[in-house]
Amino acid sequence: MQLTFREMQPEDADSVAALEQTCFPTPWSRESFWREASNPFACYLLAFAGDQLVGYAGFWVAADEAQVMNVAVAPEYRGQGAGTQLFAALIESARERGCTAMTLEVRPSNVPALALYHHFGFQEAGRRKGYYTDNGEDALIMWRTKL
């Protein structure tokens, strides 16, 4: 499957929030995505198969580091390489913005996400106890120090 990518605009907030609802137990609101799309320190990429939104991913830039905020792929497109293509595009976008390192938090129970991040050279660097509010699960802190 070949995807195309573009940066999220404020008018994309409805469709991104709808996808978020299908992917996460504690989804962000439409307003949160609208603010993110308007934030000059944020970059969110949308992934499309034709005109169908299949995923999105975003990060914030702080100095020369990218903090990944969200990565989501529609359930019906998982396991087909969409996440790999999307995350590769996200890393390239961070490089283009001068980032030299990237960090993120992920649930230890999210085995597919962990496999994706390890594929891209991320290493576990710590743990945030009770990070996820829906069930109190810890978050693994992961870093890739050379983009």
C-alpha atoms as a PDB file:
ATOM      1  CA  MET A   1       0.000   0.000   0.000  1.00  0.00           C
ATOM      2  CA  GLN A   2       1.405   3.356  -1.020  1.00  0.00           C
ATOM      3  CA  LEU A   3       0.416   6.322   1.126  1.00  0.00           C
ATOM      4  CA  THR A   4       0.614  10.056   0.599  1.00  0.00           C
ATOM      5  CA  PHE A   5       1.264  12.557   3.369  1.00  0.00           C
ATOM      6  CA  ARG A   6       0.498  16.170   4.120  1.00  0.00           C
ATOM      7  CA  GLU A   7       0.595  18.404   7.162  1.00  0.00           C
ATOM      8  CA  MET A   8      -2.570  18.701   9.209  1.00  0.00           C
ATOM      9  CA  GLN A   9      -4.519  21.947   8.898  1.00  0.00           C
ATOM     10  CA  PRO A  10      -7.079  23.267  11.427  1.00  0.00           C
ATOM     11  CA  GLU A  11      -9.911  22.210   9.108  1.00  0.00           C
ATOM     12  CA  ASP A  12      -8.731  18.573   9.462  1.00  0.00           C
ATOM     13  CA  ALA A  13      -9.558  18.510  13.186  1.00  0.00           C
ATOM     14  CA  ASP A  14     -12.947  16.791  12.754  1.00  0.00           C
ATOM     15  CA  SER A  15     -11.643  13.855  10.716  1.00  0.00           C
ATOM     16  CA  VAL A  16      -8.530  13.427  12.876  1.00  0.00           C
ATOM     17  CA  ALA A  17     -10.613  13.500  16.069  1.00  0.00           C
ATOM     18  CA  ALA A  18     -12.959  10.874  14.587  1.00  0.00           C
ATOM     19  CA  LEU A  19     -10.002   8.585  13.859  1.00  0.00           C
ATOM     20  CA  GLU A  20      -8.639   9.257  17.345  1.00  0.00           C
ATOM     21  CA  GLN A  21     -11.951   8.035  18.808  1.00  0.00           C
ATOM     22  CA  THR A  22     -11.500   4.664  17.098  1.00  0.00           C
ATOM     23  CA  CYS A  23      -7.874   4.259  18.204  1.00  0.00           C
ATOM     24  CA  PHE A  24      -7.581   5.310  21.849  1.00  0.00           C
ATOM     25  CA  PRO A  25      -9.448   4.707  25.125  1.00  0.00           C
ATOM     26  CA  THR A  26      -8.963   8.349  26.217  1.00  0.00           C
ATOM     27  CA  PRO A  27      -9.115  10.284  22.934  1.00  0.00           C
ATOM     28  CA  TRP A  28      -8.119  13.877  22.419  1.00  0.00           C
ATOM     29  CA  SER A  29     -10.914  16.275  21.482  1.00  0.00           C
ATOM     30  CA  ARG A  30     -11.458  17.979  18.154  1.00  0.00           C
ATOM     31  CA  GLU A  31     -10.427  21.251  19.814  1.00  0.00           C
ATOM     32  CA  SER A  32      -7.134  19.700  20.923  1.00  0.00           C
ATOM     33  CA  PHE A  33      -6.303  18.770  17.332  1.00  0.00           C
ATOM     34  CA  TRP A  34      -7.375  22.186  16.079  1.00  0.00           C
ATOM     35  CA  ARG A  35      -4.953  23.782  18.580  1.00  0.00           C
ATOM     36  CA  GLU A  36      -2.175  21.365  17.586  1.00  0.00           C
ATOM     37  CA  ALA A  37      -2.646  22.186  13.894  1.00  0.00           C
ATOM     38  CA  SER A  38      -2.377  25.883  14.762  1.00  0.00           C
ATOM     39  CA  ASN A  39       0.719  25.483  16.972  1.00  0.00           C
ATOM     40  CA  PRO A  40       3.904  26.703  15.227  1.00  0.00           C
ATOM     41  CA  PHE A  41       6.003  24.341  17.387  1.00  0.00           C
ATOM     42  CA  ALA A  42       3.973  21.275  16.390  1.00  0.00           C
ATOM     43  CA  CYS A  43       3.989  19.181  13.241  1.00  0.00           C
ATOM     44  CA  TYR A  44       1.248  16.663  12.491  1.00  0.00           C
ATOM     45  CA  LEU A  45       1.295  14.539   9.369  1.00  0.00           C
ATOM     46  CA  LEU A  46      -1.792  12.933   7.887  1.00  0.00           C
ATOM     47  CA  ALA A  47      -1.503   9.689   5.922  1.00  0.00           C
ATOM     48  CA  PHE A  48      -3.905   8.956   3.064  1.00  0.00           C
ATOM     49  CA  ALA A  49      -4.673   5.950   0.888  1.00  0.00           C
ATOM     50  CA  GLY A  50      -6.293   7.780  -2.004  1.00  0.00           C
ATOM     51  CA  ASP A  51      -8.623  10.250  -0.284  1.00  0.00           C
ATOM     52  CA  GLN A  52      -9.114   8.029   2.806  1.00  0.00           C
ATOM     53  CA  LEU A  53      -7.439   9.215   6.036  1.00  0.00           C
ATOM     54  CA  VAL A  54      -5.661   6.132   7.372  1.00  0.00           C
ATOM     55  CA  GLY A  55      -3.456   7.628  10.066  1.00  0.00           C
ATOM     56  CA  TYR A  56      -1.771  10.596  11.632  1.00  0.00           C
ATOM     57  CA  ALA A  57       1.279  11.312  13.740  1.00  0.00           C
ATOM     58  CA  GLY A  58       2.602  14.425  15.371  1.00  0.00           C
ATOM     59  CA  PHE A  59       5.429  15.892  17.372  1.00  0.00           C
ATOM     60  CA  TRP A  60       6.433  19.067  19.148  1.00  0.00           C
ATOM     61  CA  VAL A  61       9.817  20.671  18.557  1.00  0.00           C
ATOM     62  CA  ALA A  62      11.820  21.750  21.607  1.00  0.00           C
ATOM     63  CA  ALA A  63      15.274  23.060  20.667  1.00  0.00           C
ATOM     64  CA  ASP A  64      16.701  20.229  18.520  1.00  0.00           C
ATOM     65  CA  GLU A  65      14.450  17.469  19.880  1.00  0.00           C
ATOM     66  CA  ALA A  66      11.127  16.136  18.637  1.00  0.00           C
ATOM     67  CA  GLN A  67       8.644  14.933  21.265  1.00  0.00           C
ATOM     68  CA  VAL A  68       6.198  12.541  19.606  1.00  0.00           C
ATOM     69  CA  MET A  69       2.694  13.311  20.826  1.00  0.00           C
ATOM     70  CA  ASN A  70       0.466  10.957  18.814  1.00  0.00           C
ATOM     71  CA  VAL A  71       0.704   8.089  16.363  1.00  0.00           C
ATOM     72  CA  ALA A  72      -2.474   6.426  15.119  1.00  0.00           C
ATOM     73  CA  VAL A  73      -3.432   4.130  12.262  1.00  0.00           C
ATOM     74  CA  ALA A  74      -7.029   3.151  11.512  1.00  0.00           C
ATOM     75  CA  PRO A  75      -7.676  -0.424  12.663  1.00  0.00           C
ATOM     76  CA  GLU A  76      -8.493  -1.656   9.160  1.00  0.00           C
ATOM     77  CA  TYR A  77      -5.076  -0.467   7.877  1.00  0.00           C
ATOM     78  CA  ARG A  78      -2.917  -1.948  10.641  1.00  0.00           C
ATOM     79  CA  GLY A  79      -0.446  -4.666   9.757  1.00  0.00           C
ATOM     80  CA  GLN A  80      -0.109  -3.436   6.157  1.00  0.00           C
ATOM     81  CA  GLY A  81       2.896  -1.125   6.514  1.00  0.00           C
ATOM     82  CA  ALA A  82       0.922   2.092   7.034  1.00  0.00           C
ATOM     83  CA  GLY A  83       2.481   2.738  10.455  1.00  0.00           C
ATOM     84  CA  THR A  84       5.985   2.157   9.104  1.00  0.00           C
ATOM     85  CA  GLN A  85       5.472   4.574   6.209  1.00  0.00           C
ATOM     86  CA  LEU A  86       3.858   7.174   8.470  1.00  0.00           C
ATOM     87  CA  PHE A  87       6.580   6.993  11.118  1.00  0.00           C
ATOM     88  CA  ALA A  88       9.341   7.202   8.487  1.00  0.00           C
ATOM     89  CA  ALA A  89       7.689  10.365   7.118  1.00  0.00           C
ATOM     90  CA  LEU A  90       7.417  11.758  10.657  1.00  0.00           C
ATOM     91  CA  ILE A  91      11.144  11.222  11.294  1.00  0.00           C
ATOM     92  CA  GLU A  92      11.992  12.893   7.983  1.00  0.00           C
ATOM     93  CA  SER A  93       9.786  15.852   8.892  1.00  0.00           C
ATOM     94  CA  ALA A  94      11.603  16.172  12.235  1.00  0.00           C
ATOM     95  CA  ARG A  95      14.968  16.135  10.431  1.00  0.00           C
ATOM     96  CA  GLU A  96      13.748  18.858   8.071  1.00  0.00           C
ATOM     97  CA  ARG A  97      12.939  21.000  11.117  1.00  0.00           C
ATOM     98  CA  GLY A  98      16.467  20.594  12.468  1.00  0.00           C
ATOM     99  CA  CYS A  99      15.745  17.928  15.070  1.00  0.00           C
ATOM    100  CA  THR A 100      18.607  15.578  15.883  1.00  0.00           C
ATOM    101  CA  ALA A 101      16.810  13.390  18.446  1.00  0.00           C
ATOM    102  CA  MET A 102      13.291  12.109  19.057  1.00  0.00           C
ATOM    103  CA  THR A 103      11.510  10.863  22.161  1.00  0.00           C
ATOM    104  CA  LEU A 104       8.129   9.374  22.961  1.00  0.00           C
ATOM    105  CA  GLU A 105       6.101   7.540  25.594  1.00  0.00           C
ATOM    106  CA  VAL A 106       4.360   4.237  24.882  1.00  0.00           C
ATOM    107  CA  ARG A 107       2.339   1.686  26.839  1.00  0.00           C
ATOM    108  CA  PRO A 108       4.375  -1.440  27.648  1.00  0.00           C
ATOM    109  CA  SER A 109       1.298  -3.447  26.590  1.00  0.00           C
ATOM    110  CA  ASN A 110       1.282  -1.887  23.101  1.00  0.00           C
ATOM    111  CA  VAL A 111       3.373  -4.597  21.446  1.00  0.00           C
ATOM    112  CA  PRO A 112       2.822  -3.426  17.826  1.00  0.00           C
ATOM    113  CA  ALA A 113       3.899   0.137  18.697  1.00  0.00           C
ATOM    114  CA  LEU A 114       6.960  -1.122  20.560  1.00  0.00           C
ATOM    115  CA  ALA A 115       7.938  -3.204  17.511  1.00  0.00           C
ATOM    116  CA  LEU A 116       7.538  -0.139  15.264  1.00  0.00           C
ATOM    117  CA  TYR A 117       9.673   2.070  17.501  1.00  0.00           C
ATOM    118  CA  HIS A 118      12.373  -0.582  17.908  1.00  0.00           C
ATOM    119  CA  HIS A 119      12.387  -0.976  14.099  1.00  0.00           C
ATOM    120  CA  PHE A 120      13.313   2.703  13.868  1.00  0.00           C
ATOM    121  CA  GLY A 121      16.107   2.426  16.442  1.00  0.00           C
ATOM    122  CA  PHE A 122      14.336   3.730  19.539  1.00  0.00           C
ATOM    123  CA  GLN A 123      15.677   2.488  22.865  1.00  0.00           C
ATOM    124  CA  GLU A 124      13.928   2.332  26.225  1.00  0.00           C
ATOM    125  CA  ALA A 125      15.345   4.956  28.582  1.00  0.00           C
ATOM    126  CA  GLY A 126      12.986   4.990  31.548  1.00  0.00           C
ATOM    127  CA  ARG A 127       9.464   4.610  32.832  1.00  0.00           C
ATOM    128  CA  ARG A 128       6.725   7.011  33.927  1.00  0.00           C
ATOM    129  CA  LYS A 129       4.762   5.299  36.686  1.00  0.00           C
ATOM    130  CA  GLY A 130       0.972   5.417  36.341  1.00  0.00           C
ATOM    131  CA  TYR A 131       1.187   7.668  33.268  1.00  0.00           C
ATOM    132  CA  TYR A 132      -2.006   6.555  31.523  1.00  0.00           C
ATOM    133  CA  THR A 133      -5.104   7.842  33.280  1.00  0.00           C
ATOM    134  CA  ASP A 134      -7.561   5.292  31.866  1.00  0.00           C
ATOM    135  CA  ASN A 135      -5.948   2.327  33.644  1.00  0.00           C
ATOM    136  CA  GLY A 136      -2.878   3.593  35.515  1.00  0.00           C
ATOM    137  CA  GLU A 137      -0.483   1.778  33.186  1.00  0.00           C
ATOM    138  CA  ASP A 138       3.104   2.956  33.162  1.00  0.00           C
ATOM    139  CA  ALA A 139       4.653   4.535  30.089  1.00  0.00           C
ATOM    140  CA  LEU A 140       7.970   3.492  28.672  1.00  0.00           C
ATOM    141  CA  ILE A 141      10.133   6.471  27.717  1.00  0.00           C
ATOM    142  CA  MET A 142      11.953   5.807  24.465  1.00  0.00           C
ATOM    143  CA  TRP A 143      14.634   7.795  22.669  1.00  0.00           C
ATOM    144  CA  ARG A 144      16.346   7.834  19.324  1.00  0.00           C
ATOM    145  CA  THR A 145      19.328  10.099  19.838  1.00  0.00           C
ATOM    146  CA  LYS A 146      20.487  10.313  16.212  1.00  0.00           C
ATOM    147  CA  LEU A 147      18.019  11.179  13.493  1.00  0.00           C
END
